[in-house]
Structures are given as structure tokens and as C-alpha cells.
């Protein structure tokens, strides 16, 4: 199996691993991560503390927190 290669701006080819291609996470404003985390925990508790839904809880929490911020700015 061949490694994926990536052409650089200088025309050189270099091998790149999946880790090198990973996108850096977006930095959230101060307090945002904590706010989303607390909301995700609340959702997890409301849903009966079921395992396997962490991503869903986090994404739902992000949506709720973003909506709250948007509403507060109007």
C-alpha cells in the first residue's frame, strides 16, 4: 500500500500521514467550551444517562448554546 503524497508549493512531493492531514479544531471563545459541555451533560442526564450518545448530546448542546447566543444578540 502506498502512502498518500502531497505536493507542496515548491513542487516537491512529501509523504503525509492521516495525522498530518487532520484539521486543527476550531478555537472557541472563552467560556464557550464549558457552556457547551455543561449543556451536553444536562442533555445526557435528561435522556436517562444512556451511553453511546455523547456526540449527539454535544452537537445538540452546541446548537442550543449557539441559538441562545444568537437570541441574546438580537
PDB file of N, CA and C in Angstrom:
ATOM      1  N   UNK A   1       0.842  -1.173   0.000  1.00  0.00           N
ATOM      2  CA  UNK A   1       0.000   0.000   0.000  1.00  0.00           C
ATOM      3  C   UNK A   1       0.889   1.239   0.000  1.00  0.00           C
ATOM      4  N   UNK A   2       0.582   2.193  -0.877  1.00  0.00           N
ATOM      5  CA  UNK A   2       1.361   3.424  -0.970  1.00  0.00           C
ATOM      6  C   UNK A   2       0.834   4.469  -0.026  1.00  0.00           C
ATOM      7  N   UNK A   3       1.767   5.235   0.492  1.00  0.00           N
ATOM      8  CA  UNK A   3       1.379   6.385   1.312  1.00  0.00           C
ATOM      9  C   UNK A   3       0.898   7.492   0.379  1.00  0.00           C
ATOM     10  N   UNK A   4      -0.062   8.249   0.864  1.00  0.00           N
ATOM     11  CA  UNK A   4      -0.528   9.397   0.084  1.00  0.00           C
ATOM     12  C   UNK A   4       0.587  10.430   0.057  1.00  0.00           C
ATOM     13  N   UNK A   5       0.737  11.072  -1.081  1.00  0.00           N
ATOM     14  CA  UNK A   5       1.739  12.133  -1.169  1.00  0.00           C
ATOM     15  C   UNK A   5       1.041  13.449  -1.432  1.00  0.00           C
ATOM     16  N   UNK A   6       1.650  14.480  -0.971  1.00  0.00           N
ATOM     17  CA  UNK A   6       1.087  15.809  -1.113  1.00  0.00           C
ATOM     18  C   UNK A   6       2.126  16.697  -1.773  1.00  0.00           C
ATOM     19  N   UNK A   7       1.706  17.422  -2.780  1.00  0.00           N
ATOM     20  CA  UNK A   7       2.612  18.311  -3.472  1.00  0.00           C
ATOM     21  C   UNK A   7       2.663  19.637  -2.720  1.00  0.00           C
ATOM     22  N   UNK A   8       3.835  20.095  -2.413  1.00  0.00           N
ATOM     23  CA  UNK A   8       3.986  21.368  -1.708  1.00  0.00           C
ATOM     24  C   UNK A   8       4.046  22.496  -2.711  1.00  0.00           C
ATOM     25  N   UNK A   9       4.012  23.725  -2.227  1.00  0.00           N
ATOM     26  CA  UNK A   9       4.018  24.884  -3.119  1.00  0.00           C
ATOM     27  C   UNK A   9       5.300  24.984  -3.937  1.00  0.00           C
ATOM     28  N   UNK A  10       6.375  24.364  -3.491  1.00  0.00           N
ATOM     29  CA  UNK A  10       7.637  24.406  -4.217  1.00  0.00           C
ATOM     30  C   UNK A  10       7.738  23.267  -5.233  1.00  0.00           C
ATOM     31  N   UNK A  11       6.682  22.456  -5.344  1.00  0.00           N
ATOM     32  CA  UNK A  11       6.697  21.385  -6.328  1.00  0.00           C
ATOM     33  C   UNK A  11       7.283  20.090  -5.793  1.00  0.00           C
ATOM     34  N   UNK A  12       7.778  20.067  -4.588  1.00  0.00           N
ATOM     35  CA  UNK A  12       8.315  18.840  -4.001  1.00  0.00           C
ATOM     36  C   UNK A  12       7.171  17.961  -3.559  1.00  0.00           C
ATOM     37  N   UNK A  13       7.426  16.658  -3.537  1.00  0.00           N
ATOM     38  CA  UNK A  13       6.416  15.741  -3.034  1.00  0.00           C
ATOM     39  C   UNK A  13       6.887  15.240  -1.683  1.00  0.00           C
ATOM     40  N   UNK A  14       5.968  15.151  -0.757  1.00  0.00           N
ATOM     41  CA  UNK A  14       6.317  14.616   0.544  1.00  0.00           C
ATOM     42  C   UNK A  14       5.218  13.659   0.966  1.00  0.00           C
ATOM     43  N   UNK A  15       5.581  12.657   1.745  1.00  0.00           N
ATOM     44  CA  UNK A  15       4.559  11.734   2.228  1.00  0.00           C
ATOM     45  C   UNK A  15       3.825  12.391   3.378  1.00  0.00           C
ATOM     46  N   UNK A  16       2.539  12.079   3.491  1.00  0.00           N
ATOM     47  CA  UNK A  16       1.760  12.655   4.580  1.00  0.00           C
ATOM     48  C   UNK A  16       0.881  11.575   5.189  1.00  0.00           C
ATOM     49  N   UNK A  17       0.843  11.575   6.487  1.00  0.00           N
ATOM     50  CA  UNK A  17       0.027  10.610   7.189  1.00  0.00           C
ATOM     51  C   UNK A  17      -1.337  11.224   7.472  1.00  0.00           C
ATOM     52  N   UNK A  18      -2.249  10.401   7.907  1.00  0.00           N
ATOM     53  CA  UNK A  18      -3.580  10.880   8.258  1.00  0.00           C
ATOM     54  C   UNK A  18      -3.488  11.914   9.363  1.00  0.00           C
ATOM     55  N   UNK A  19      -2.606  11.686  10.326  1.00  0.00           N
ATOM     56  CA  UNK A  19      -2.445  12.628  11.432  1.00  0.00           C
ATOM     57  C   UNK A  19      -1.998  13.998  10.931  1.00  0.00           C
ATOM     58  N   UNK A  20      -1.130  14.026   9.943  1.00  0.00           N
ATOM     59  CA  UNK A  20      -0.657  15.295   9.404  1.00  0.00           C
ATOM     60  C   UNK A  20      -1.772  16.029   8.682  1.00  0.00           C
ATOM     61  N   UNK A  21      -2.713  15.275   8.133  1.00  0.00           N
ATOM     62  CA  UNK A  21      -3.791  15.885   7.372  1.00  0.00           C
ATOM     63  C   UNK A  21      -4.963  16.295   8.246  1.00  0.00           C
ATOM     64  N   UNK A  22      -4.951  15.909   9.515  1.00  0.00           N
ATOM     65  CA  UNK A  22      -6.057  16.238  10.417  1.00  0.00           C
ATOM     66  C   UNK A  22      -6.187  17.743  10.545  1.00  0.00           C
ATOM     67  N   UNK A  23      -7.404  18.181  10.579  1.00  0.00           N
ATOM     68  CA  UNK A  23      -7.683  19.607  10.682  1.00  0.00           C
ATOM     69  C   UNK A  23      -7.610  20.015  12.143  1.00  0.00           C
ATOM     70  N   UNK A  24      -7.013  21.160  12.386  1.00  0.00           N
ATOM     71  CA  UNK A  24      -6.953  21.681  13.754  1.00  0.00           C
ATOM     72  C   UNK A  24      -8.362  22.036  14.195  1.00  0.00           C
ATOM     73  N   UNK A  25      -8.700  21.734  15.443  1.00  0.00           N
ATOM     74  CA  UNK A  25     -10.034  22.103  15.915  1.00  0.00           C
ATOM     75  C   UNK A  25     -10.194  23.613  15.981  1.00  0.00           C
ATOM     76  N   UNK A  26     -11.409  24.050  15.821  1.00  0.00           N
ATOM     77  CA  UNK A  26     -11.709  25.476  15.910  1.00  0.00           C
ATOM     78  C   UNK A  26     -11.606  25.898  17.371  1.00  0.00           C
ATOM     79  N   UNK A  27     -10.959  27.011  17.594  1.00  0.00           N
ATOM     80  CA  UNK A  27     -10.866  27.524  18.962  1.00  0.00           C
ATOM     81  C   UNK A  27     -12.156  28.262  19.295  1.00  0.00           C
ATOM     82  N   UNK A  28     -12.745  27.897  20.415  1.00  0.00           N
ATOM     83  CA  UNK A  28     -13.985  28.521  20.848  1.00  0.00           C
ATOM     84  C   UNK A  28     -13.677  29.723  21.727  1.00  0.00           C
ATOM     85  N   UNK A  29     -14.571  30.714  21.710  1.00  0.00           N
ATOM     86  CA  UNK A  29     -14.379  31.871  22.593  1.00  0.00           C
ATOM     87  C   UNK A  29     -14.350  31.433  24.050  1.00  0.00           C
ATOM     88  N   UNK A  30     -13.763  32.265  24.895  1.00  0.00           N
ATOM     89  CA  UNK A  30     -13.661  31.958  26.329  1.00  0.00           C
ATOM     90  C   UNK A  30     -15.021  31.576  26.904  1.00  0.00           C
ATOM     91  N   UNK A  31     -15.046  30.475  27.617  1.00  0.00           N
ATOM     92  CA  UNK A  31     -16.256  30.035  28.279  1.00  0.00           C
ATOM     93  C   UNK A  31     -17.202  29.214  27.424  1.00  0.00           C
ATOM     94  N   UNK A  32     -17.021  29.241  26.115  1.00  0.00           N
ATOM     95  CA  UNK A  32     -17.946  28.536  25.221  1.00  0.00           C
ATOM     96  C   UNK A  32     -17.844  27.024  25.400  1.00  0.00           C
ATOM     97  N   UNK A  33     -16.633  26.503  25.490  1.00  0.00           N
ATOM     98  CA  UNK A  33     -16.460  25.054  25.645  1.00  0.00           C
ATOM     99  C   UNK A  33     -17.149  24.581  26.916  1.00  0.00           C
ATOM    100  N   UNK A  34     -16.967  25.322  28.005  1.00  0.00           N
ATOM    101  CA  UNK A  34     -17.582  24.959  29.278  1.00  0.00           C
ATOM    102  C   UNK A  34     -19.099  25.008  29.192  1.00  0.00           C
ATOM    103  N   UNK A  35     -19.608  26.021  28.522  1.00  0.00           N
ATOM    104  CA  UNK A  35     -21.060  26.174  28.379  1.00  0.00           C
ATOM    105  C   UNK A  35     -21.658  25.004  27.602  1.00  0.00           C
ATOM    106  N   UNK A  36     -21.015  24.640  26.509  1.00  0.00           N
ATOM    107  CA  UNK A  36     -21.488  23.513  25.702  1.00  0.00           C
ATOM    108  C   UNK A  36     -21.366  22.219  26.500  1.00  0.00           C
ATOM    109  N   UNK A  37     -20.264  22.068  27.201  1.00  0.00           N
ATOM    110  CA  UNK A  37     -20.036  20.870  27.996  1.00  0.00           C
ATOM    111  C   UNK A  37     -21.119  20.693  29.058  1.00  0.00           C
ATOM    112  N   UNK A  38     -21.456  21.758  29.746  1.00  0.00           N
ATOM    113  CA  UNK A  38     -22.499  21.693  30.784  1.00  0.00           C
ATOM    114  C   UNK A  38     -23.850  21.355  30.166  1.00  0.00           C
ATOM    115  N   UNK A  39     -24.151  21.962  29.026  1.00  0.00           N
ATOM    116  CA  UNK A  39     -25.425  21.686  28.357  1.00  0.00           C
ATOM    117  C   UNK A  39     -25.481  20.246  27.876  1.00  0.00           C
ATOM    118  N   UNK A  40     -24.369  19.727  27.339  1.00  0.00           N
ATOM    119  CA  UNK A  40     -24.324  18.331  26.888  1.00  0.00           C
ATOM    120  C   UNK A  40     -24.547  17.384  28.067  1.00  0.00           C
ATOM    121  N   UNK A  41     -23.976  17.724  29.212  1.00  0.00           N
ATOM    122  CA  UNK A  41     -24.163  16.910  30.415  1.00  0.00           C
ATOM    123  C   UNK A  41     -25.629  16.932  30.842  1.00  0.00           C
ATOM    124  N   UNK A  42     -26.253  18.104  30.791  1.00  0.00           N
ATOM    125  CA  UNK A  42     -27.673  18.215  31.124  1.00  0.00           C
ATOM    126  C   UNK A  42     -28.517  17.348  30.192  1.00  0.00           C
ATOM    127  N   UNK A  43     -28.219  17.395  28.900  1.00  0.00           N
ATOM    128  CA  UNK A  43     -28.964  16.592  27.930  1.00  0.00           C
ATOM    129  C   UNK A  43     -28.778  15.102  28.212  1.00  0.00           C
ATOM    130  N   UNK A  44     -27.562  14.711  28.545  1.00  0.00           N
ATOM    131  CA  UNK A  44     -27.269  13.308  28.870  1.00  0.00           C
ATOM    132  C   UNK A  44     -28.100  12.861  30.063  1.00  0.00           C
ATOM    133  N   UNK A  45     -28.179  13.721  31.086  1.00  0.00           N
ATOM    134  CA  UNK A  45     -28.990  13.388  32.259  1.00  0.00           C
ATOM    135  C   UNK A  45     -30.475  13.308  31.904  1.00  0.00           C
ATOM    136  N   UNK A  46     -30.948  14.273  31.103  1.00  0.00           N
ATOM    137  CA  UNK A  46     -32.357  14.291  30.691  1.00  0.00           C
ATOM    138  C   UNK A  46     -32.729  13.045  29.884  1.00  0.00           C
ATOM    139  N   UNK A  47     -31.780  12.504  29.154  1.00  0.00           N
ATOM    140  CA  UNK A  47     -32.031  11.328  28.315  1.00  0.00           C
ATOM    141  C   UNK A  47     -31.789  10.019  29.068  1.00  0.00           C
ATOM    142  N   UNK A  48     -31.721  10.095  30.372  1.00  0.00           N
ATOM    143  CA  UNK A  48     -31.595   8.897  31.184  1.00  0.00           C
ATOM    144  C   UNK A  48     -30.191   8.346  31.298  1.00  0.00           C
ATOM    145  N   UNK A  49     -29.206   9.196  31.093  1.00  0.00           N
ATOM    146  CA  UNK A  49     -27.788   8.805  31.217  1.00  0.00           C
ATOM    147  C   UNK A  49     -27.427   7.595  30.355  1.00  0.00           C
ATOM    148  N   UNK A  50     -28.004   7.544  29.167  1.00  0.00           N
ATOM    149  CA  UNK A  50     -27.720   6.442  28.242  1.00  0.00           C
ATOM    150  C   UNK A  50     -26.349   6.623  27.618  1.00  0.00           C
ATOM    151  N   UNK A  51     -25.598   5.542  27.595  1.00  0.00           N
ATOM    152  CA  UNK A  51     -24.267   5.570  26.967  1.00  0.00           C
ATOM    153  C   UNK A  51     -24.415   5.532  25.451  1.00  0.00           C
ATOM    154  N   UNK A  52     -23.390   6.009  24.765  1.00  0.00           N
ATOM    155  CA  UNK A  52     -23.353   5.937  23.313  1.00  0.00           C
ATOM    156  C   UNK A  52     -23.931   7.143  22.600  1.00  0.00           C
ATOM    157  N   UNK A  53     -24.363   8.152  23.334  1.00  0.00           N
ATOM    158  CA  UNK A  53     -24.949   9.321  22.695  1.00  0.00           C
ATOM    159  C   UNK A  53     -24.165  10.592  22.921  1.00  0.00           C
ATOM    160  N   UNK A  54     -22.907  10.466  23.278  1.00  0.00           N
ATOM    161  CA  UNK A  54     -22.108  11.646  23.622  1.00  0.00           C
ATOM    162  C   UNK A  54     -21.996  12.632  22.461  1.00  0.00           C
ATOM    163  N   UNK A  55     -21.761  12.131  21.268  1.00  0.00           N
ATOM    164  CA  UNK A  55     -21.631  13.031  20.115  1.00  0.00           C
ATOM    165  C   UNK A  55     -22.954  13.728  19.849  1.00  0.00           C
ATOM    166  N   UNK A  56     -24.045  12.994  19.892  1.00  0.00           N
ATOM    167  CA  UNK A  56     -25.363  13.592  19.680  1.00  0.00           C
ATOM    168  C   UNK A  56     -25.635  14.658  20.739  1.00  0.00           C
ATOM    169  N   UNK A  57     -25.334  14.336  22.011  1.00  0.00           N
ATOM    170  CA  UNK A  57     -25.535  15.309  23.087  1.00  0.00           C
ATOM    171  C   UNK A  57     -24.695  16.553  22.866  1.00  0.00           C
ATOM    172  N   UNK A  58     -23.443  16.370  22.449  1.00  0.00           N
ATOM    173  CA  UNK A  58     -22.556  17.518  22.221  1.00  0.00           C
ATOM    174  C   UNK A  58     -23.076  18.382  21.082  1.00  0.00           C
ATOM    175  N   UNK A  59     -23.461  17.755  19.978  1.00  0.00           N
ATOM    176  CA  UNK A  59     -23.943  18.521  18.831  1.00  0.00           C
ATOM    177  C   UNK A  59     -25.254  19.236  19.148  1.00  0.00           C
ATOM    178  N   UNK A  60     -26.143  18.576  19.866  1.00  0.00           N
ATOM    179  CA  UNK A  60     -27.380  19.224  20.291  1.00  0.00           C
ATOM    180  C   UNK A  60     -27.080  20.390  21.220  1.00  0.00           C
ATOM    181  N   UNK A  61     -26.138  20.197  22.129  1.00  0.00           N
ATOM    182  CA  UNK A  61     -25.753  21.260  23.063  1.00  0.00           C
ATOM    183  C   UNK A  61     -25.160  22.451  22.313  1.00  0.00           C
ATOM    184  N   UNK A  62     -24.328  22.187  21.309  1.00  0.00           N
ATOM    185  CA  UNK A  62     -23.772  23.275  20.500  1.00  0.00           C
ATOM    186  C   UNK A  62     -24.884  24.083  19.855  1.00  0.00           C
ATOM    187  N   UNK A  63     -25.848  23.373  19.290  1.00  0.00           N
ATOM    188  CA  UNK A  63     -26.958  24.040  18.615  1.00  0.00           C
ATOM    189  C   UNK A  63     -27.755  24.904  19.594  1.00  0.00           C
ATOM    190  N   UNK A  64     -28.031  24.373  20.776  1.00  0.00           N
ATOM    191  CA  UNK A  64     -28.788  25.108  21.789  1.00  0.00           C
ATOM    192  C   UNK A  64     -28.024  26.341  22.247  1.00  0.00           C
ATOM    193  N   UNK A  65     -26.749  26.176  22.557  1.00  0.00           N
ATOM    194  CA  UNK A  65     -25.935  27.295  23.039  1.00  0.00           C
ATOM    195  C   UNK A  65     -25.807  28.367  21.962  1.00  0.00           C
ATOM    196  N   UNK A  66     -25.591  27.964  20.733  1.00  0.00           N
ATOM    197  CA  UNK A  66     -25.469  28.940  19.640  1.00  0.00           C
ATOM    198  C   UNK A  66     -26.784  29.697  19.451  1.00  0.00           C
ATOM    199  N   UNK A  67     -27.912  29.007  19.572  1.00  0.00           N
ATOM    200  CA  UNK A  67     -29.216  29.663  19.456  1.00  0.00           C
ATOM    201  C   UNK A  67     -29.413  30.660  20.597  1.00  0.00           C
ATOM    202  N   UNK A  68     -29.000  30.280  21.804  1.00  0.00           N
ATOM    203  CA  UNK A  68     -29.110  31.190  22.953  1.00  0.00           C
ATOM    204  C   UNK A  68     -28.280  32.450  22.722  1.00  0.00           C
ATOM    205  N   UNK A  69     -27.083  32.278  22.199  1.00  0.00           N
ATOM    206  CA  UNK A  69     -26.208  33.434  21.928  1.00  0.00           C
ATOM    207  C   UNK A  69     -26.818  34.309  20.860  1.00  0.00           C
ATOM    208  N   UNK A  70     -27.327  33.688  19.813  1.00  0.00           N
ATOM    209  CA  UNK A  70     -27.942  34.444  18.710  1.00  0.00           C
ATOM    210  C   UNK A  70     -29.143  35.250  19.215  1.00  0.00           C
ATOM    211  N   UNK A  71     -29.985  34.607  20.028  1.00  0.00           N
ATOM    212  CA  UNK A  71     -31.154  35.290  20.571  1.00  0.00           C
ATOM    213  C   UNK A  71     -30.758  36.451  21.478  1.00  0.00           C
ATOM    214  N   UNK A  72     -29.698  36.268  22.254  1.00  0.00           N
ATOM    215  CA  UNK A  72     -29.243  37.308  23.170  1.00  0.00           C
ATOM    216  C   UNK A  72     -28.707  38.526  22.415  1.00  0.00           C
ATOM    217  N   UNK A  73     -28.198  38.309  21.219  1.00  0.00           N
ATOM    218  CA  UNK A  73     -27.636  39.423  20.427  1.00  0.00           C
ATOM    219  C   UNK A  73     -28.701  40.194  19.687  1.00  0.00           C
ATOM    220  N   UNK A  74     -29.904  39.646  19.579  1.00  0.00           N
ATOM    221  CA  UNK A  74     -30.966  40.354  18.840  1.00  0.00           C
ATOM    222  C   UNK A  74     -31.661  41.378  19.688  1.00  0.00           C
TER     223      UNK A  74
END
